[in-house]
Amino acid sequence: MMDLSGGSQEAPVLRWTAENLASSTPSRKNGVPEKEEQTGRFDASNYARNVVRALYNDHNAEENTRAQILACYYIQLFYMFRSLAAEDWKVVAVGASFLACKVVDMPRRMRGLLRAWNQHRVSNGEPELGEEEQRKMTERILKVEFLLLRILRFDFDVQLPIEFLEPLASKLLVCLSQHEAFKKQCGNRPATEVASNLKQEVLQTAERFTMDCFMGVAPLLAPPKVVAAGAVVLTTKYLRREMQMPELIKMMHSLDEGLASEDIKKVIEEIMNVFRTKSQAEKQKAANPPSAANLQQTAANPTPAANLQQQAANPPSAAAPSAKEQTSASAPATNAASDEKKTAAPIAAVAAPAAVPGDSGTGSHKQSLAGGGGGPCMPAAAPPTSSGIPSDSKPQEPREGPSTASQITKNRAARRPQPYASGSAC
């Protein structure tokens, strides 16, 4: 793994190579098979998206989308420094969601987070957390959040691929309208008009593909702009079957020489891997349905009357959408609400943890995913140092939600914000 604790004050480039992801992650070193790690990352990301939906209740669509993407991104980062066996993936998902909501300036208090989590658990046939369990979960969630803050070095201005979708889609559609195969399919209609009418559908579908790719390792392999280019190319191929994938990739490269064809292919392959992992997880779920004993336990432990009264006095901010509502989404988008996984990774002894950036976790240097070009290769793992966070350590900061949210606001105000590329707003 990458040694990020050597005393350097520069923010690390949080990007890896395909070889590193295949053989050098903490889970791989801990004996977790590659397919199992892919499934674990997918399950945690899927769970986090559902938790964010429950917190936002489909309000504030833009913040909802960004929070879901960031939560999935934080999960991918977490598993580059800790094994799947280090912590229950559901706790990791909730901790990542907790931080993501703060980063998009829509923080939720721990009480509201646990309430939404309990609702999500009950809706999926899991027993509700009791008061003592909630207290323990709070500590574990905060440990996850604290580790993520150390990894990020309190740098929250991460550029996301969705910011590049609109300009890339617009340019590709102009190029597409001049292609002979596309013109032939347009018939008597002007090709430019057909391409223009296609833009909104391309943007919507590409955004869903982008969200799906964060349930895998694509954002760890390529800069945000390359991820966006891969999503746009895959969307165009999905909507216009007469076009060939190599031709679309060549078009995209011709529009921006910084978008290497091989990098775009890797992103598309990782997006497809997410769908393969989803299919495999659904088959596994169908082969291992919930046992009757678990259903009886859930029925035997209904929500206490005191909790019902409290919920009536303090109605939850959101409710998770039903599976039917989620399945009504467009075909290419991964339906995160329809494939909940019931099996959590065991909490077991962990191999020596990878070093975490910084000694105090207060670094404020800018680290954008857009930087770093083609993604540096990671050197061999460094031995644990005093700056690493043991799995049983107790974080001193942050505590309740607003404190970290205040730190985020303070850090943003302390440095001049970096404007996004011209015309890149969705």
Protein backbone atom coordinates (compact mmCIF):
# COMPACT_ATOMS: atom_id res chain seq x y z
CA MET A 1 0.00 0.00 0.00
CA MET A 2 0.96 3.60 -0.34
CA ASP A 3 2.97 5.01 2.58
CA LEU A 4 1.26 8.28 3.39
CA SER A 5 2.66 8.89 6.86
CA GLY A 6 6.21 9.89 6.10
CA GLY A 7 5.86 13.40 7.47
CA SER A 8 5.23 15.12 4.15
CA GLN A 9 2.64 17.87 4.35
CA GLU A 10 1.51 17.39 0.75
CA ALA A 11 -1.89 15.80 0.38
CA PRO A 12 -1.59 12.27 -1.07
CA VAL A 13 -2.89 11.42 -4.52
CA LEU A 14 -5.71 9.03 -3.74
CA ARG A 15 -5.46 7.01 -6.92
CA TRP A 16 -4.13 3.53 -7.60
CA THR A 17 -3.35 1.18 -10.47
CA ALA A 18 -5.33 -1.88 -11.51
CA GLU A 19 -2.43 -4.10 -10.41
CA ASN A 20 -2.46 -2.60 -6.90
CA LEU A 21 -6.21 -3.06 -6.60
CA ALA A 22 -5.92 -6.67 -7.70
CA SER A 23 -3.17 -7.70 -5.29
CA SER A 24 -2.18 -5.06 -2.72
CA THR A 25 -5.31 -3.95 -0.88
CA PRO A 26 -5.55 -4.65 2.88
CA SER A 27 -8.31 -7.17 2.19
CA ARG A 28 -6.12 -9.03 -0.31
CA LYS A 29 -3.25 -9.16 2.17
CA ASN A 30 -5.69 -10.37 4.81
CA GLY A 31 -6.68 -13.32 2.64
CA VAL A 32 -9.98 -11.98 1.28
CA PRO A 33 -10.53 -13.15 -2.32
CA GLU A 34 -10.87 -10.50 -5.02
CA LYS A 35 -14.47 -11.40 -5.88
CA GLU A 36 -15.45 -11.28 -2.21
CA GLU A 37 -13.89 -7.85 -1.83
CA GLN A 38 -15.73 -6.58 -4.91
CA THR A 39 -18.99 -7.86 -3.45
CA GLY A 40 -18.22 -6.28 -0.07
CA ARG A 41 -17.48 -2.89 -1.62
CA PHE A 42 -20.67 -3.12 -3.67
CA ASP A 43 -22.79 -4.12 -0.65
CA ALA A 44 -21.43 -1.29 1.48
CA SER A 45 -21.94 1.28 -1.30
CA ASN A 46 -25.45 0.02 -1.97
CA TYR A 47 -26.27 0.24 1.73
CA ALA A 48 -24.84 3.76 1.98
CA ARG A 49 -26.96 4.98 -0.94
CA ASN A 50 -30.09 3.66 0.76
CA VAL A 51 -29.15 5.33 4.05
CA VAL A 52 -28.62 8.67 2.27
CA ARG A 53 -31.99 8.28 0.54
CA ALA A 54 -33.61 7.63 3.91
CA LEU A 55 -32.00 10.76 5.35
CA TYR A 56 -33.01 13.03 2.46
CA ASN A 57 -36.33 11.42 1.54
CA ASP A 58 -35.74 12.31 -2.14
CA HIS A 59 -35.64 16.03 -1.29
CA ASN A 60 -32.75 18.29 -2.40
CA ALA A 61 -32.05 16.12 -5.44
CA GLU A 62 -28.65 17.65 -6.21
CA GLU A 63 -27.35 17.29 -2.65
CA ASN A 64 -28.85 13.80 -2.50
CA THR A 65 -26.93 12.75 -5.61
CA ARG A 66 -23.65 14.28 -4.42
CA ALA A 67 -24.04 12.75 -0.96
CA GLN A 68 -24.62 9.29 -2.45
CA ILE A 69 -21.56 9.60 -4.70
CA LEU A 70 -19.34 10.90 -1.89
CA ALA A 71 -20.49 8.19 0.52
CA CYS A 72 -19.58 5.51 -2.05
CA TYR A 73 -16.25 7.22 -2.74
CA TYR A 74 -15.40 7.32 0.97
CA ILE A 75 -16.18 3.60 1.22
CA GLN A 76 -13.77 2.85 -1.62
CA LEU A 77 -11.08 4.89 0.14
CA PHE A 78 -11.77 3.19 3.48
CA TYR A 79 -11.07 -0.22 2.00
CA MET A 80 -7.77 0.97 0.56
CA PHE A 81 -6.56 1.40 4.16
CA ARG A 82 -8.55 -1.23 6.07
CA SER A 83 -9.58 -4.81 5.33
CA LEU A 84 -13.16 -5.93 4.91
CA ALA A 85 -12.61 -7.89 8.14
CA ALA A 86 -11.75 -4.73 10.11
CA GLU A 87 -15.33 -3.57 10.56
CA ASP A 88 -18.89 -4.53 9.69
CA TRP A 89 -19.47 -3.14 6.21
CA LYS A 90 -22.84 -1.76 7.29
CA VAL A 91 -21.15 0.37 9.96
CA VAL A 92 -18.65 1.57 7.35
CA ALA A 93 -21.53 2.48 5.03
CA VAL A 94 -23.34 4.45 7.74
CA GLY A 95 -20.14 6.23 8.80
CA ALA A 96 -19.38 7.22 5.20
CA SER A 97 -22.96 8.47 4.77
CA PHE A 98 -22.68 10.49 7.99
CA LEU A 99 -19.58 12.31 6.69
CA ALA A 100 -20.93 12.73 3.15
CA CYS A 101 -24.02 14.55 4.42
CA LYS A 102 -21.80 17.04 6.22
CA VAL A 103 -19.61 17.61 3.17
CA VAL A 104 -22.61 18.57 1.02
CA ASP A 105 -23.64 21.07 3.73
CA MET A 106 -26.66 19.04 4.80
CA PRO A 107 -25.43 17.54 8.11
CA ARG A 108 -27.55 15.16 10.12
CA ARG A 109 -27.24 14.64 13.86
CA MET A 110 -26.30 11.22 15.13
CA ARG A 111 -29.78 10.76 16.60
CA GLY A 112 -31.40 11.32 13.20
CA LEU A 113 -28.86 9.07 11.50
CA LEU A 114 -29.55 6.19 13.91
CA ARG A 115 -33.30 6.69 13.53
CA ALA A 116 -33.06 6.50 9.74
CA TRP A 117 -30.77 3.48 10.01
CA ASN A 118 -33.22 1.71 12.33
CA GLN A 119 -36.06 2.37 9.89
CA HIS A 120 -33.97 0.96 7.06
CA ARG A 121 -33.07 -2.13 9.11
CA VAL A 122 -36.70 -2.83 10.04
CA SER A 123 -37.86 -2.37 6.44
CA ASN A 124 -35.37 -5.07 5.42
CA GLY A 125 -36.38 -7.55 8.11
CA GLU A 126 -33.49 -6.81 10.49
CA PRO A 127 -34.02 -6.31 14.22
CA GLU A 128 -34.09 -2.75 15.49
CA LEU A 129 -31.07 -1.54 17.45
CA GLY A 130 -31.63 -1.13 21.18
CA GLU A 131 -30.35 1.79 23.24
CA GLU A 132 -27.14 0.03 24.29
CA GLU A 133 -26.51 -1.15 20.74
CA GLN A 134 -27.03 2.38 19.45
CA ARG A 135 -24.47 3.69 21.96
CA LYS A 136 -21.90 1.16 20.77
CA MET A 137 -22.71 1.83 17.13
CA THR A 138 -22.19 5.56 17.69
CA GLU A 139 -18.63 4.92 18.81
CA ARG A 140 -17.94 2.67 15.85
CA ILE A 141 -19.46 5.12 13.36
CA LEU A 142 -17.30 7.92 14.75
CA LYS A 143 -14.19 5.76 14.43
CA VAL A 144 -15.00 5.19 10.76
CA GLU A 145 -15.58 8.90 10.22
CA PHE A 146 -12.37 9.80 12.03
CA LEU A 147 -10.32 7.45 9.87
CA LEU A 148 -11.87 8.94 6.73
CA LEU A 149 -10.98 12.44 7.93
CA ARG A 150 -7.39 11.29 8.40
CA ILE A 151 -7.31 9.81 4.89
CA LEU A 152 -8.81 12.96 3.34
CA ARG A 153 -6.73 15.30 5.54
CA PHE A 154 -9.86 17.40 5.97
CA ASP A 155 -9.87 18.21 2.26
CA PHE A 156 -13.50 18.15 1.16
CA ASP A 157 -13.43 20.05 -2.16
CA VAL A 158 -13.38 16.91 -4.28
CA GLN A 159 -14.21 17.37 -7.94
CA LEU A 160 -16.78 14.82 -9.09
CA PRO A 161 -17.32 13.33 -12.57
CA ILE A 162 -20.88 14.65 -12.78
CA GLU A 163 -19.41 18.14 -13.20
CA PHE A 164 -17.93 17.09 -16.56
CA LEU A 165 -20.93 15.28 -18.01
CA GLU A 166 -22.65 18.23 -19.71
CA PRO A 167 -19.68 19.61 -21.70
CA LEU A 168 -18.48 16.16 -22.73
CA ALA A 169 -21.95 15.03 -23.79
CA SER A 170 -22.55 18.21 -25.78
CA LYS A 171 -19.30 17.84 -27.73
CA LEU A 172 -19.79 14.15 -28.38
CA LEU A 173 -23.33 14.69 -29.70
CA VAL A 174 -22.08 17.34 -32.14
CA CYS A 175 -19.49 14.87 -33.39
CA LEU A 176 -22.11 12.14 -33.48
CA SER A 177 -24.43 14.18 -35.70
CA GLN A 178 -21.73 14.15 -38.39
CA HIS A 179 -21.25 10.38 -38.35
CA GLU A 180 -22.61 8.47 -41.35
CA ALA A 181 -24.10 5.60 -39.35
CA PHE A 182 -25.97 8.04 -37.14
CA LYS A 183 -27.24 10.05 -40.12
CA LYS A 184 -28.49 6.88 -41.78
CA GLN A 185 -30.56 5.96 -38.71
CA CYS A 186 -32.04 9.47 -38.56
CA GLY A 187 -33.79 8.95 -41.92
CA ASN A 188 -35.42 12.14 -43.14
CA ARG A 189 -34.91 13.99 -39.87
CA PRO A 190 -31.95 16.38 -39.56
CA ALA A 191 -29.11 14.64 -37.68
CA THR A 192 -28.34 17.77 -35.65
CA GLU A 193 -31.92 17.94 -34.42
CA VAL A 194 -31.97 14.27 -33.44
CA ALA A 195 -28.67 14.65 -31.59
CA SER A 196 -29.94 17.75 -29.80
CA ASN A 197 -33.11 15.98 -28.68
CA LEU A 198 -30.97 13.14 -27.36
CA LYS A 199 -28.94 15.34 -25.01
CA GLN A 200 -31.21 15.30 -21.97
CA GLU A 201 -31.58 11.54 -22.03
CA VAL A 202 -27.82 11.13 -22.41
CA LEU A 203 -27.18 13.37 -19.38
CA GLN A 204 -29.70 11.58 -17.17
CA THR A 205 -28.48 8.11 -18.07
CA ALA A 206 -24.80 9.10 -17.85
CA GLU A 207 -25.40 10.49 -14.36
CA ARG A 208 -26.84 7.16 -13.25
CA PHE A 209 -23.92 5.28 -14.80
CA THR A 210 -21.58 7.64 -12.95
CA MET A 211 -23.28 6.95 -9.64
CA ASP A 212 -23.08 3.24 -10.33
CA CYS A 213 -19.36 3.35 -11.12
CA PHE A 214 -18.68 4.68 -7.59
CA MET A 215 -19.96 1.35 -6.27
CA GLY A 216 -16.78 -0.08 -7.78
CA VAL A 217 -13.17 1.04 -8.06
CA ALA A 218 -13.35 3.22 -11.20
CA PRO A 219 -12.89 6.50 -9.22
CA LEU A 220 -9.70 5.03 -7.69
CA LEU A 221 -8.24 4.29 -11.13
CA ALA A 222 -8.93 7.41 -13.19
CA PRO A 223 -9.42 11.18 -12.81
CA PRO A 224 -13.03 12.47 -12.63
CA LYS A 225 -13.01 13.72 -16.22
CA VAL A 226 -12.01 10.30 -17.56
CA VAL A 227 -14.72 8.65 -15.45
CA ALA A 228 -17.26 11.09 -16.91
CA ALA A 229 -16.02 10.37 -20.45
CA GLY A 230 -16.45 6.64 -19.90
CA ALA A 231 -19.99 7.14 -18.61
CA VAL A 232 -20.94 9.34 -21.59
CA VAL A 233 -19.49 6.88 -24.13
CA LEU A 234 -21.25 3.92 -22.51
CA THR A 235 -24.53 5.85 -22.40
CA THR A 236 -24.30 6.81 -26.06
CA LYS A 237 -23.68 3.21 -27.04
CA TYR A 238 -26.62 2.10 -24.88
CA LEU A 239 -29.00 4.63 -26.48
CA ARG A 240 -27.70 4.39 -30.06
CA ARG A 241 -27.03 0.75 -30.82
CA GLU A 242 -25.95 1.48 -34.38
CA MET A 243 -22.77 3.11 -33.06
CA GLN A 244 -19.69 0.99 -32.33
CA MET A 245 -17.89 1.36 -29.01
CA PRO A 246 -14.38 1.80 -30.51
CA GLU A 247 -15.68 4.59 -32.75
CA LEU A 248 -17.26 6.40 -29.81
CA ILE A 249 -14.07 6.09 -27.75
CA LYS A 250 -12.07 7.44 -30.70
CA MET A 251 -14.50 10.38 -30.99
CA MET A 252 -14.12 11.19 -27.30
CA HIS A 253 -10.33 11.07 -27.53
CA SER A 254 -10.40 13.39 -30.55
CA LEU A 255 -12.39 15.91 -28.51
CA ASP A 256 -9.80 15.98 -25.72
CA GLU A 257 -6.32 14.50 -26.07
CA GLY A 258 -6.15 14.24 -22.28
CA LEU A 259 -8.79 11.52 -22.47
CA ALA A 260 -6.68 8.51 -23.41
CA SER A 261 -8.56 5.72 -25.16
CA GLU A 262 -7.11 3.03 -22.87
CA ASP A 263 -8.19 4.95 -19.75
CA ILE A 264 -11.73 5.33 -21.09
CA LYS A 265 -11.85 1.58 -21.82
CA LYS A 266 -10.77 0.80 -18.24
CA VAL A 267 -13.52 3.00 -16.81
CA ILE A 268 -16.16 1.35 -19.03
CA GLU A 269 -14.92 -2.08 -17.97
CA GLU A 270 -15.16 -1.14 -14.28
CA ILE A 271 -18.72 0.15 -14.77
CA MET A 272 -19.62 -3.18 -16.33
CA ASN A 273 -17.92 -4.96 -13.42
CA VAL A 274 -20.33 -3.23 -11.07
CA PHE A 275 -23.26 -4.75 -12.96
CA ARG A 276 -21.58 -8.15 -12.96
CA THR A 277 -21.07 -7.89 -9.20
CA LYS A 278 -24.69 -6.87 -8.76
CA SER A 279 -25.88 -9.87 -10.78
CA GLN A 280 -23.69 -12.21 -8.77
CA ALA A 281 -24.91 -10.74 -5.48
CA GLU A 282 -28.54 -11.15 -6.53
CA LYS A 283 -27.94 -14.80 -7.38
CA GLN A 284 -26.28 -15.33 -4.01
CA LYS A 285 -29.16 -13.61 -2.27
CA ALA A 286 -31.72 -15.78 -4.07
CA ALA A 287 -29.76 -18.90 -3.12
CA ASN A 288 -29.62 -17.85 0.56
CA PRO A 289 -33.00 -16.35 1.50
CA PRO A 290 -33.60 -15.07 5.09
CA SER A 291 -34.13 -17.95 7.50
CA ALA A 292 -37.44 -18.43 9.30
CA ALA A 293 -35.62 -17.98 12.61
CA ASN A 294 -34.51 -14.47 11.63
CA LEU A 295 -38.02 -13.53 10.56
CA GLN A 296 -39.42 -14.83 13.84
CA GLN A 297 -36.82 -12.87 15.79
CA THR A 298 -37.74 -9.69 13.95
CA ALA A 299 -41.46 -10.28 14.60
CA ALA A 300 -40.76 -11.04 18.25
CA ASN A 301 -38.96 -7.71 18.76
CA PRO A 302 -41.33 -4.98 17.57
CA THR A 303 -40.62 -1.33 18.07
CA PRO A 304 -41.26 -0.45 21.76
CA ALA A 305 -44.17 1.83 22.53
CA ALA A 306 -41.78 4.40 23.96
CA ASN A 307 -39.95 4.56 20.65
CA LEU A 308 -43.24 4.94 18.78
CA GLN A 309 -44.16 7.86 20.99
CA GLN A 310 -40.78 9.44 20.46
CA GLN A 311 -41.09 9.02 16.71
CA ALA A 312 -44.55 10.59 16.81
CA ALA A 313 -43.16 13.56 18.74
CA ASN A 314 -40.07 13.78 16.53
CA PRO A 315 -41.01 12.45 13.09
CA PRO A 316 -38.05 11.13 11.12
CA SER A 317 -36.62 13.36 8.47
CA ALA A 318 -36.96 10.73 5.81
CA ALA A 319 -38.10 7.24 4.97
CA ALA A 320 -36.28 4.87 2.68
CA PRO A 321 -38.00 4.37 -0.68
CA SER A 322 -39.61 1.04 -1.38
CA ALA A 323 -38.06 -1.52 -3.69
CA LYS A 324 -40.87 -0.99 -6.21
CA GLU A 325 -40.15 2.71 -6.35
CA GLN A 326 -36.50 2.02 -6.98
CA THR A 327 -37.13 -0.53 -9.72
CA SER A 328 -39.14 2.00 -11.67
CA ALA A 329 -35.89 3.81 -12.53
CA SER A 330 -34.37 3.55 -16.00
CA ALA A 331 -32.87 0.20 -17.07
CA PRO A 332 -29.11 1.01 -17.02
CA ALA A 333 -29.09 2.47 -13.54
CA THR A 334 -28.20 0.15 -10.68
CA ASN A 335 -31.21 -0.15 -8.37
CA ALA A 336 -29.57 0.24 -4.99
CA ALA A 337 -32.79 -0.24 -3.01
CA SER A 338 -33.69 -3.53 -4.66
CA ASP A 339 -30.59 -5.54 -3.77
CA GLU A 340 -29.99 -5.18 -0.03
CA LYS A 341 -27.54 -7.67 1.30
CA LYS A 342 -28.31 -9.34 4.60
CA THR A 343 -24.91 -10.85 5.34
CA ALA A 344 -22.37 -8.61 7.09
CA ALA A 345 -18.63 -9.23 7.01
CA PRO A 346 -17.45 -10.69 10.34
CA ILE A 347 -15.52 -8.46 12.70
CA ALA A 348 -12.29 -10.41 13.05
CA ALA A 349 -8.63 -9.88 13.81
CA VAL A 350 -7.12 -7.53 11.24
CA ALA A 351 -3.74 -7.61 9.57
CA ALA A 352 -1.37 -4.74 10.23
CA PRO A 353 -3.30 -1.63 9.14
CA ALA A 354 -2.05 0.48 6.29
CA ALA A 355 -0.59 3.82 7.20
CA VAL A 356 -3.03 6.71 7.23
CA PRO A 357 -2.07 10.15 5.91
CA GLY A 358 -0.81 12.66 8.40
CA ASP A 359 0.08 12.51 12.07
CA SER A 360 -2.74 14.67 13.39
CA GLY A 361 -5.29 14.43 10.58
CA THR A 362 -5.46 18.21 10.26
CA GLY A 363 -3.68 18.71 6.96
CA SER A 364 -5.39 21.36 4.84
CA HIS A 365 -3.65 20.99 1.51
CA LYS A 366 -5.81 20.81 -1.58
CA GLN A 367 -6.23 17.33 -3.05
CA SER A 368 -8.50 17.09 -6.05
CA LEU A 369 -9.28 13.87 -7.85
CA ALA A 370 -8.87 15.86 -11.03
CA GLY A 371 -5.14 16.16 -10.32
CA GLY A 372 -2.47 13.54 -10.67
CA GLY A 373 -2.95 12.71 -14.34
CA GLY A 374 -2.85 9.02 -15.10
CA GLY A 375 -2.76 7.76 -11.51
CA PRO A 376 0.55 7.02 -9.74
CA CYS A 377 1.56 3.50 -8.83
CA MET A 378 1.69 2.63 -5.14
CA PRO A 379 4.98 1.48 -3.59
CA ALA A 380 5.14 -1.52 -1.34
CA ALA A 381 3.38 -1.39 2.00
CA ALA A 382 5.20 0.41 4.79
CA PRO A 383 5.20 -1.04 8.31
CA PRO A 384 2.69 0.45 10.75
CA THR A 385 3.87 3.70 12.28
CA SER A 386 2.85 5.73 15.27
CA SER A 387 0.62 7.76 12.99
CA GLY A 388 -1.52 4.76 12.06
CA ILE A 389 -4.85 4.38 13.80
CA PRO A 390 -5.23 1.02 15.55
CA SER A 391 -8.59 -0.61 14.98
CA ASP A 392 -9.41 -0.39 18.70
CA SER A 393 -8.34 3.21 19.21
CA LYS A 394 -10.87 5.71 20.45
CA PRO A 395 -11.06 8.93 18.43
CA GLN A 396 -10.88 12.19 20.27
CA GLU A 397 -12.41 14.10 17.38
CA PRO A 398 -14.87 14.52 15.82
CA ARG A 399 -17.86 13.90 18.08
CA GLU A 400 -21.34 15.11 17.27
CA GLY A 401 -22.21 16.04 13.72
CA PRO A 402 -22.15 19.85 13.91
CA SER A 403 -18.53 19.90 15.20
CA THR A 404 -17.19 18.25 12.05
CA ALA A 405 -19.55 20.30 9.90
CA SER A 406 -18.13 23.44 11.51
CA GLN A 407 -14.60 22.22 10.76
CA ILE A 408 -15.56 21.65 7.13
CA THR A 409 -16.95 25.18 6.84
CA LYS A 410 -13.88 26.62 8.55
CA ASN A 411 -11.48 24.77 6.24
CA ARG A 412 -13.40 25.92 3.16
CA ALA A 413 -13.33 29.53 4.31
CA ALA A 414 -9.60 29.32 5.07
CA ARG A 415 -8.66 28.70 1.45
CA ARG A 416 -9.75 30.16 -1.84
CA PRO A 417 -12.14 27.81 -3.61
CA GLN A 418 -10.96 26.35 -6.91
CA PRO A 419 -13.42 27.05 -9.76
CA TYR A 420 -14.52 24.15 -11.87
CA ALA A 421 -13.72 23.98 -15.54
CA SER A 422 -15.60 26.42 -17.70
CA GLY A 423 -19.04 25.14 -18.71
CA SER A 424 -18.78 22.01 -16.57
CA ALA A 425 -21.78 22.60 -14.37
CA CYS A 426 -24.55 20.03 -14.89
